[in-house]
Amino acid sequence: MRQRFAHGISYIALAYLLLAAESMGYRTSPMLGFDPEQFKAILELPPHVTLPAIVAIGRGDEPGFPHHRHSVDRIARFI
């Protein structure tokens, strides 16, 4: 139960990390489907540590794909 809660909170923090990194011009790629035990061994983490996700962060070589979202001005008006 505690691990589920901790992972849930970490996903919220992960969302803010991704937003903050993207706003600073970095590209991010959250990854699931990795082997946590192998990753813990590489980082020499203790056995009780759990890894809900890992994230690659860096500068992109290419501009990437344009997003399809509407601008804030199109969907909201502030009075």
PDB file of N, CA and C in Angstrom:
ATOM      1  N   MET A   1       0.824  -1.190   0.000  1.00  0.00           N
ATOM      2  CA  MET A   1       0.000   0.000   0.000  1.00  0.00           C
ATOM      3  C   MET A   1       0.868   1.254   0.000  1.00  0.00           C
ATOM      4  N   ARG A   2       1.895   1.285   0.866  1.00  0.00           N
ATOM      5  CA  ARG A   2       2.768   2.460   0.927  1.00  0.00           C
ATOM      6  C   ARG A   2       3.525   2.647  -0.382  1.00  0.00           C
ATOM      7  N   GLN A   3       3.937   1.550  -0.991  1.00  0.00           N
ATOM      8  CA  GLN A   3       4.676   1.653  -2.251  1.00  0.00           C
ATOM      9  C   GLN A   3       3.789   2.225  -3.353  1.00  0.00           C
ATOM     10  N   ARG A   4       2.534   1.796  -3.408  1.00  0.00           N
ATOM     11  CA  ARG A   4       1.602   2.339  -4.407  1.00  0.00           C
ATOM     12  C   ARG A   4       1.417   3.833  -4.223  1.00  0.00           C
ATOM     13  N   PHE A   5       1.259   4.254  -2.969  1.00  0.00           N
ATOM     14  CA  PHE A   5       1.108   5.674  -2.669  1.00  0.00           C
ATOM     15  C   PHE A   5       2.366   6.441  -3.084  1.00  0.00           C
ATOM     16  N   ALA A   6       3.523   5.907  -2.726  1.00  0.00           N
ATOM     17  CA  ALA A   6       4.792   6.561  -3.057  1.00  0.00           C
ATOM     18  C   ALA A   6       4.972   6.681  -4.563  1.00  0.00           C
ATOM     19  N   HIS A   7       4.636   5.633  -5.294  1.00  0.00           N
ATOM     20  CA  HIS A   7       4.742   5.687  -6.754  1.00  0.00           C
ATOM     21  C   HIS A   7       3.760   6.707  -7.327  1.00  0.00           C
ATOM     22  N   GLY A   8       2.561   6.770  -6.777  1.00  0.00           N
ATOM     23  CA  GLY A   8       1.580   7.746  -7.238  1.00  0.00           C
ATOM     24  C   GLY A   8       2.083   9.169  -7.050  1.00  0.00           C
ATOM     25  N   ILE A   9       2.663   9.449  -5.891  1.00  0.00           N
ATOM     26  CA  ILE A   9       3.222  10.769  -5.622  1.00  0.00           C
ATOM     27  C   ILE A   9       4.401  11.035  -6.554  1.00  0.00           C
ATOM     28  N   SER A  10       5.201  10.022  -6.807  1.00  0.00           N
ATOM     29  CA  SER A  10       6.362  10.222  -7.688  1.00  0.00           C
ATOM     30  C   SER A  10       5.920  10.516  -9.123  1.00  0.00           C
ATOM     31  N   TYR A  11       4.799   9.967  -9.551  1.00  0.00           N
ATOM     32  CA  TYR A  11       4.302  10.275 -10.902  1.00  0.00           C
ATOM     33  C   TYR A  11       3.867  11.737 -10.997  1.00  0.00           C
ATOM     34  N   ILE A  12       3.317  12.278  -9.914  1.00  0.00           N
ATOM     35  CA  ILE A  12       2.955  13.697  -9.902  1.00  0.00           C
ATOM     36  C   ILE A  12       4.219  14.543  -9.996  1.00  0.00           C
ATOM     37  N   ALA A  13       5.223  14.200  -9.205  1.00  0.00           N
ATOM     38  CA  ALA A  13       6.500  14.926  -9.256  1.00  0.00           C
ATOM     39  C   ALA A  13       7.138  14.788 -10.633  1.00  0.00           C
ATOM     40  N   LEU A  14       7.018  13.607 -11.228  1.00  0.00           N
ATOM     41  CA  LEU A  14       7.559  13.374 -12.568  1.00  0.00           C
ATOM     42  C   LEU A  14       6.913  14.309 -13.585  1.00  0.00           C
ATOM     43  N   ALA A  15       5.621  14.526 -13.468  1.00  0.00           N
ATOM     44  CA  ALA A  15       4.922  15.420 -14.386  1.00  0.00           C
ATOM     45  C   ALA A  15       5.488  16.832 -14.286  1.00  0.00           C
ATOM     46  N   TYR A  16       5.724  17.306 -13.075  1.00  0.00           N
ATOM     47  CA  TYR A  16       6.295  18.641 -12.895  1.00  0.00           C
ATOM     48  C   TYR A  16       7.731  18.702 -13.420  1.00  0.00           C
ATOM     49  N   LEU A  17       8.487  17.650 -13.210  1.00  0.00           N
ATOM     50  CA  LEU A  17       9.851  17.599 -13.734  1.00  0.00           C
ATOM     51  C   LEU A  17       9.841  17.715 -15.252  1.00  0.00           C
ATOM     52  N   LEU A  18       8.958  16.963 -15.905  1.00  0.00           N
ATOM     53  CA  LEU A  18       8.876  16.993 -17.370  1.00  0.00           C
ATOM     54  C   LEU A  18       8.474  18.382 -17.859  1.00  0.00           C
ATOM     55  N   LEU A  19       7.484  18.994 -17.218  1.00  0.00           N
ATOM     56  CA  LEU A  19       7.048  20.336 -17.600  1.00  0.00           C
ATOM     57  C   LEU A  19       8.160  21.365 -17.402  1.00  0.00           C
ATOM     58  N   ALA A  20       8.839  21.296 -16.266  1.00  0.00           N
ATOM     59  CA  ALA A  20       9.907  22.252 -15.980  1.00  0.00           C
ATOM     60  C   ALA A  20      11.052  22.102 -16.974  1.00  0.00           C
ATOM     61  N   ALA A  21      11.449  20.875 -17.253  1.00  0.00           N
ATOM     62  CA  ALA A  21      12.550  20.645 -18.197  1.00  0.00           C
ATOM     63  C   ALA A  21      12.179  21.134 -19.585  1.00  0.00           C
ATOM     64  N   GLU A  22      10.969  20.832 -20.035  1.00  0.00           N
ATOM     65  CA  GLU A  22      10.527  21.278 -21.363  1.00  0.00           C
ATOM     66  C   GLU A  22      10.465  22.803 -21.434  1.00  0.00           C
ATOM     67  N   SER A  23      10.039  23.454 -20.347  1.00  0.00           N
ATOM     68  CA  SER A  23       9.955  24.918 -20.349  1.00  0.00           C
ATOM     69  C   SER A  23      11.335  25.559 -20.406  1.00  0.00           C
ATOM     70  N   MET A  24      12.366  24.814 -20.012  1.00  0.00           N
ATOM     71  CA  MET A  24      13.737  25.326 -20.050  1.00  0.00           C
ATOM     72  C   MET A  24      14.450  24.941 -21.345  1.00  0.00           C
ATOM     73  N   GLY A  25      13.711  24.349 -22.287  1.00  0.00           N
ATOM     74  CA  GLY A  25      14.282  24.028 -23.586  1.00  0.00           C
ATOM     75  C   GLY A  25      14.866  22.638 -23.711  1.00  0.00           C
ATOM     76  N   TYR A  26      14.682  21.804 -22.705  1.00  0.00           N
ATOM     77  CA  TYR A  26      15.176  20.432 -22.765  1.00  0.00           C
ATOM     78  C   TYR A  26      14.099  19.523 -23.347  1.00  0.00           C
ATOM     79  N   ARG A  27      14.506  18.411 -23.881  1.00  0.00           N
ATOM     80  CA  ARG A  27      13.578  17.387 -24.339  1.00  0.00           C
ATOM     81  C   ARG A  27      13.592  16.271 -23.304  1.00  0.00           C
ATOM     82  N   THR A  28      12.433  15.666 -23.080  1.00  0.00           N
ATOM     83  CA  THR A  28      12.322  14.621 -22.071  1.00  0.00           C
ATOM     84  C   THR A  28      11.685  13.373 -22.667  1.00  0.00           C
ATOM     85  N   SER A  29      12.017  12.264 -22.066  1.00  0.00           N
ATOM     86  CA  SER A  29      11.423  11.000 -22.480  1.00  0.00           C
ATOM     87  C   SER A  29      11.280  10.103 -21.255  1.00  0.00           C
ATOM     88  N   PRO A  30      10.081  10.101 -20.624  1.00  0.00           N
ATOM     89  CA  PRO A  30       9.890   9.185 -19.498  1.00  0.00           C
ATOM     90  C   PRO A  30       9.809   7.754 -20.019  1.00  0.00           C
ATOM     91  N   MET A  31      10.386   6.841 -19.261  1.00  0.00           N
ATOM     92  CA  MET A  31      10.449   5.455 -19.720  1.00  0.00           C
ATOM     93  C   MET A  31       9.879   4.500 -18.687  1.00  0.00           C
ATOM     94  N   LEU A  32       9.080   3.596 -19.163  1.00  0.00           N
ATOM     95  CA  LEU A  32       8.594   2.476 -18.358  1.00  0.00           C
ATOM     96  C   LEU A  32       9.064   1.204 -19.054  1.00  0.00           C
ATOM     97  N   GLY A  33       8.833   0.079 -18.448  1.00  0.00           N
ATOM     98  CA  GLY A  33       9.185  -1.186 -19.091  1.00  0.00           C
ATOM     99  C   GLY A  33      10.660  -1.534 -18.970  1.00  0.00           C
ATOM    100  N   PHE A  34      11.371  -0.887 -18.068  1.00  0.00           N
ATOM    101  CA  PHE A  34      12.773  -1.200 -17.843  1.00  0.00           C
ATOM    102  C   PHE A  34      12.871  -2.216 -16.705  1.00  0.00           C
ATOM    103  N   ASP A  35      14.024  -2.808 -16.541  1.00  0.00           N
ATOM    104  CA  ASP A  35      14.248  -3.771 -15.464  1.00  0.00           C
ATOM    105  C   ASP A  35      14.758  -3.022 -14.234  1.00  0.00           C
ATOM    106  N   PRO A  36      13.898  -2.778 -13.241  1.00  0.00           N
ATOM    107  CA  PRO A  36      14.320  -1.987 -12.078  1.00  0.00           C
ATOM    108  C   PRO A  36      15.505  -2.594 -11.327  1.00  0.00           C
ATOM    109  N   GLU A  37      15.546  -3.898 -11.223  1.00  0.00           N
ATOM    110  CA  GLU A  37      16.641  -4.541 -10.484  1.00  0.00           C
ATOM    111  C   GLU A  37      17.981  -4.306 -11.177  1.00  0.00           C
ATOM    112  N   GLN A  38      17.988  -4.392 -12.483  1.00  0.00           N
ATOM    113  CA  GLN A  38      19.214  -4.150 -13.244  1.00  0.00           C
ATOM    114  C   GLN A  38      19.637  -2.679 -13.120  1.00  0.00           C
ATOM    115  N   PHE A  39      18.672  -1.798 -13.177  1.00  0.00           N
ATOM    116  CA  PHE A  39      18.952  -0.373 -13.055  1.00  0.00           C
ATOM    117  C   PHE A  39      19.479  -0.051 -11.657  1.00  0.00           C
ATOM    118  N   LYS A  40      18.894  -0.647 -10.618  1.00  0.00           N
ATOM    119  CA  LYS A  40      19.364  -0.440  -9.252  1.00  0.00           C
ATOM    120  C   LYS A  40      20.790  -0.941  -9.087  1.00  0.00           C
ATOM    121  N   ALA A  41      21.113  -2.046  -9.725  1.00  0.00           N
ATOM    122  CA  ALA A  41      22.476  -2.578  -9.648  1.00  0.00           C
ATOM    123  C   ALA A  41      23.471  -1.616 -10.300  1.00  0.00           C
ATOM    124  N   ILE A  42      23.108  -1.046 -11.433  1.00  0.00           N
ATOM    125  CA  ILE A  42      23.992  -0.098 -12.119  1.00  0.00           C
ATOM    126  C   ILE A  42      24.254   1.121 -11.239  1.00  0.00           C
ATOM    127  N   LEU A  43      23.209   1.616 -10.576  1.00  0.00           N
ATOM    128  CA  LEU A  43      23.332   2.800  -9.726  1.00  0.00           C
ATOM    129  C   LEU A  43      23.766   2.474  -8.296  1.00  0.00           C
ATOM    130  N   GLU A  44      23.926   1.185  -8.009  1.00  0.00           N
ATOM    131  CA  GLU A  44      24.316   0.718  -6.675  1.00  0.00           C
ATOM    132  C   GLU A  44      23.349   1.216  -5.601  1.00  0.00           C
ATOM    133  N   LEU A  45      22.049   1.062  -5.872  1.00  0.00           N
ATOM    134  CA  LEU A  45      21.012   1.461  -4.932  1.00  0.00           C
ATOM    135  C   LEU A  45      20.692   0.303  -3.991  1.00  0.00           C
ATOM    136  N   PRO A  46      20.270   0.602  -2.774  1.00  0.00           N
ATOM    137  CA  PRO A  46      19.941  -0.474  -1.832  1.00  0.00           C
ATOM    138  C   PRO A  46      18.697  -1.244  -2.278  1.00  0.00           C
ATOM    139  N   PRO A  47      18.541  -2.472  -1.795  1.00  0.00           N
ATOM    140  CA  PRO A  47      17.431  -3.330  -2.222  1.00  0.00           C
ATOM    141  C   PRO A  47      16.041  -2.773  -1.932  1.00  0.00           C
ATOM    142  N   HIS A  48      15.879  -1.972  -0.879  1.00  0.00           N
ATOM    143  CA  HIS A  48      14.547  -1.469  -0.518  1.00  0.00           C
ATOM    144  C   HIS A  48      14.057  -0.340  -1.439  1.00  0.00           C
ATOM    145  N   VAL A  49      14.918   0.199  -2.271  1.00  0.00           N
ATOM    146  CA  VAL A  49      14.543   1.293  -3.169  1.00  0.00           C
ATOM    147  C   VAL A  49      13.695   0.758  -4.317  1.00  0.00           C
ATOM    148  N   THR A  50      12.650   1.498  -4.682  1.00  0.00           N
ATOM    149  CA  THR A  50      11.844   1.127  -5.846  1.00  0.00           C
ATOM    150  C   THR A  50      11.954   2.224  -6.896  1.00  0.00           C
ATOM    151  N   LEU A  51      11.850   1.845  -8.145  1.00  0.00           N
ATOM    152  CA  LEU A  51      11.956   2.793  -9.257  1.00  0.00           C
ATOM    153  C   LEU A  51      10.693   2.728 -10.096  1.00  0.00           C
ATOM    154  N   PRO A  52       9.800   3.699  -9.961  1.00  0.00           N
ATOM    155  CA  PRO A  52       8.568   3.675 -10.749  1.00  0.00           C
ATOM    156  C   PRO A  52       8.780   4.072 -12.209  1.00  0.00           C
ATOM    157  N   ALA A  53       9.809   4.891 -12.479  1.00  0.00           N
ATOM    158  CA  ALA A  53      10.067   5.346 -13.852  1.00  0.00           C
ATOM    159  C   ALA A  53      11.473   5.923 -13.915  1.00  0.00           C
ATOM    160  N   ILE A  54      12.003   6.018 -15.109  1.00  0.00           N
ATOM    161  CA  ILE A  54      13.245   6.728 -15.342  1.00  0.00           C
ATOM    162  C   ILE A  54      12.996   7.733 -16.464  1.00  0.00           C
ATOM    163  N   VAL A  55      13.811   8.774 -16.496  1.00  0.00           N
ATOM    164  CA  VAL A  55      13.601   9.846 -17.465  1.00  0.00           C
ATOM    165  C   VAL A  55      14.924  10.194 -18.142  1.00  0.00           C
ATOM    166  N   ALA A  56      14.885  10.275 -19.456  1.00  0.00           N
ATOM    167  CA  ALA A  56      16.023  10.808 -20.215  1.00  0.00           C
ATOM    168  C   ALA A  56      15.743  12.288 -20.453  1.00  0.00           C
ATOM    169  N   ILE A  57      16.721  13.138 -20.143  1.00  0.00           N
ATOM    170  CA  ILE A  57      16.585  14.573 -20.334  1.00  0.00           C
ATOM    171  C   ILE A  57      17.821  15.070 -21.072  1.00  0.00           C
ATOM    172  N   GLY A  58      17.610  15.868 -22.092  1.00  0.00           N
ATOM    173  CA  GLY A  58      18.748  16.418 -22.824  1.00  0.00           C
ATOM    174  C   GLY A  58      18.298  17.417 -23.864  1.00  0.00           C
ATOM    175  N   ARG A  59      19.255  17.934 -24.585  1.00  0.00           N
ATOM    176  CA  ARG A  59      18.973  18.859 -25.682  1.00  0.00           C
ATOM    177  C   ARG A  59      18.700  18.049 -26.937  1.00  0.00           C
ATOM    178  N   GLY A  60      17.672  18.424 -27.669  1.00  0.00           N
ATOM    179  CA  GLY A  60      17.334  17.706 -28.891  1.00  0.00           C
ATOM    180  C   GLY A  60      18.220  18.121 -30.063  1.00  0.00           C
ATOM    181  N   ASP A  61      18.558  17.185 -30.911  1.00  0.00           N
ATOM    182  CA  ASP A  61      19.327  17.483 -32.124  1.00  0.00           C
ATOM    183  C   ASP A  61      18.444  18.055 -33.213  1.00  0.00           C
ATOM    184  N   GLU A  62      17.178  17.653 -33.186  1.00  0.00           N
ATOM    185  CA  GLU A  62      16.228  18.074 -34.210  1.00  0.00           C
ATOM    186  C   GLU A  62      15.058  18.777 -33.534  1.00  0.00           C
ATOM    187  N   PRO A  63      14.333  19.620 -34.281  1.00  0.00           N
ATOM    188  CA  PRO A  63      13.224  20.348 -33.663  1.00  0.00           C
ATOM    189  C   PRO A  63      12.075  19.461 -33.193  1.00  0.00           C
ATOM    190  N   GLY A  64      11.934  18.278 -33.742  1.00  0.00           N
ATOM    191  CA  GLY A  64      10.848  17.392 -33.327  1.00  0.00           C
ATOM    192  C   GLY A  64       9.554  17.709 -34.048  1.00  0.00           C
ATOM    193  N   PHE A  65       8.468  17.162 -33.546  1.00  0.00           N
ATOM    194  CA  PHE A  65       7.166  17.346 -34.170  1.00  0.00           C
ATOM    195  C   PHE A  65       6.430  18.510 -33.525  1.00  0.00           C
ATOM    196  N   PRO A  66       5.736  19.314 -34.324  1.00  0.00           N
ATOM    197  CA  PRO A  66       4.949  20.390 -33.713  1.00  0.00           C
ATOM    198  C   PRO A  66       3.770  19.800 -32.941  1.00  0.00           C
ATOM    199  N   HIS A  67       3.404  20.433 -31.841  1.00  0.00           N
ATOM    200  CA  HIS A  67       2.272  19.910 -31.077  1.00  0.00           C
ATOM    201  C   HIS A  67       0.969  20.371 -31.721  1.00  0.00           C
ATOM    202  N   HIS A  68      -0.090  19.679 -31.408  1.00  0.00           N
ATOM    203  CA  HIS A  68      -1.388  19.928 -32.023  1.00  0.00           C
ATOM    204  C   HIS A  68      -2.330  20.695 -31.096  1.00  0.00           C
ATOM    205  N   ARG A  69      -1.831  21.174 -29.986  1.00  0.00           N
ATOM    206  CA  ARG A  69      -2.695  21.849 -29.019  1.00  0.00           C
ATOM    207  C   ARG A  69      -2.993  23.273 -29.467  1.00  0.00           C
ATOM    208  N   HIS A  70      -4.181  23.727 -29.105  1.00  0.00           N
ATOM    209  CA  HIS A  70      -4.547  25.112 -29.376  1.00  0.00           C
ATOM    210  C   HIS A  70      -3.784  26.033 -28.430  1.00  0.00           C
ATOM    211  N   SER A  71      -3.573  27.271 -28.849  1.00  0.00           N
ATOM    212  CA  SER A  71      -2.921  28.241 -27.966  1.00  0.00           C
ATOM    213  C   SER A  71      -3.875  28.606 -26.830  1.00  0.00           C
ATOM    214  N   VAL A  72      -3.319  29.068 -25.736  1.00  0.00           N
ATOM    215  CA  VAL A  72      -4.137  29.461 -24.583  1.00  0.00           C
ATOM    216  C   VAL A  72      -5.092  30.582 -24.990  1.00  0.00           C
ATOM    217  N   ASP A  73      -4.621  31.519 -25.805  1.00  0.00           N
ATOM    218  CA  ASP A  73      -5.468  32.638 -26.239  1.00  0.00           C
ATOM    219  C   ASP A  73      -6.699  32.169 -26.997  1.00  0.00           C
ATOM    220  N   ARG A  74      -6.602  31.048 -27.678  1.00  0.00           N
ATOM    221  CA  ARG A  74      -7.747  30.547 -28.443  1.00  0.00           C
ATOM    222  C   ARG A  74      -8.810  29.896 -27.565  1.00  0.00           C
ATOM    223  N   ILE A  75      -8.387  29.292 -26.461  1.00  0.00           N
ATOM    224  CA  ILE A  75      -9.341  28.530 -25.663  1.00  0.00           C
ATOM    225  C   ILE A  75      -9.708  29.189 -24.335  1.00  0.00           C
ATOM    226  N   ALA A  76      -9.015  30.280 -23.951  1.00  0.00           N
ATOM    227  CA  ALA A  76      -9.316  30.921 -22.667  1.00  0.00           C
ATOM    228  C   ALA A  76      -9.254  32.432 -22.811  1.00  0.00           C
ATOM    229  N   ARG A  77     -10.054  33.087 -22.022  1.00  0.00           N
ATOM    230  CA  ARG A  77     -10.029  34.539 -21.994  1.00  0.00           C
ATOM    231  C   ARG A  77      -9.972  34.978 -20.534  1.00  0.00           C
ATOM    232  N   PHE A  78      -9.061  35.867 -20.251  1.00  0.00           N
ATOM    233  CA  PHE A  78      -8.865  36.341 -18.876  1.00  0.00           C
ATOM    234  C   PHE A  78      -9.433  37.756 -18.772  1.00  0.00           C
ATOM    235  N   ILE A  79     -10.304  37.938 -17.825  1.00  0.00           N
ATOM    236  CA  ILE A  79     -10.980  39.228 -17.653  1.00  0.00           C
ATOM    237  C   ILE A  79     -10.386  39.947 -16.460  1.00  0.00           C
TER     238      ILE A  79
END
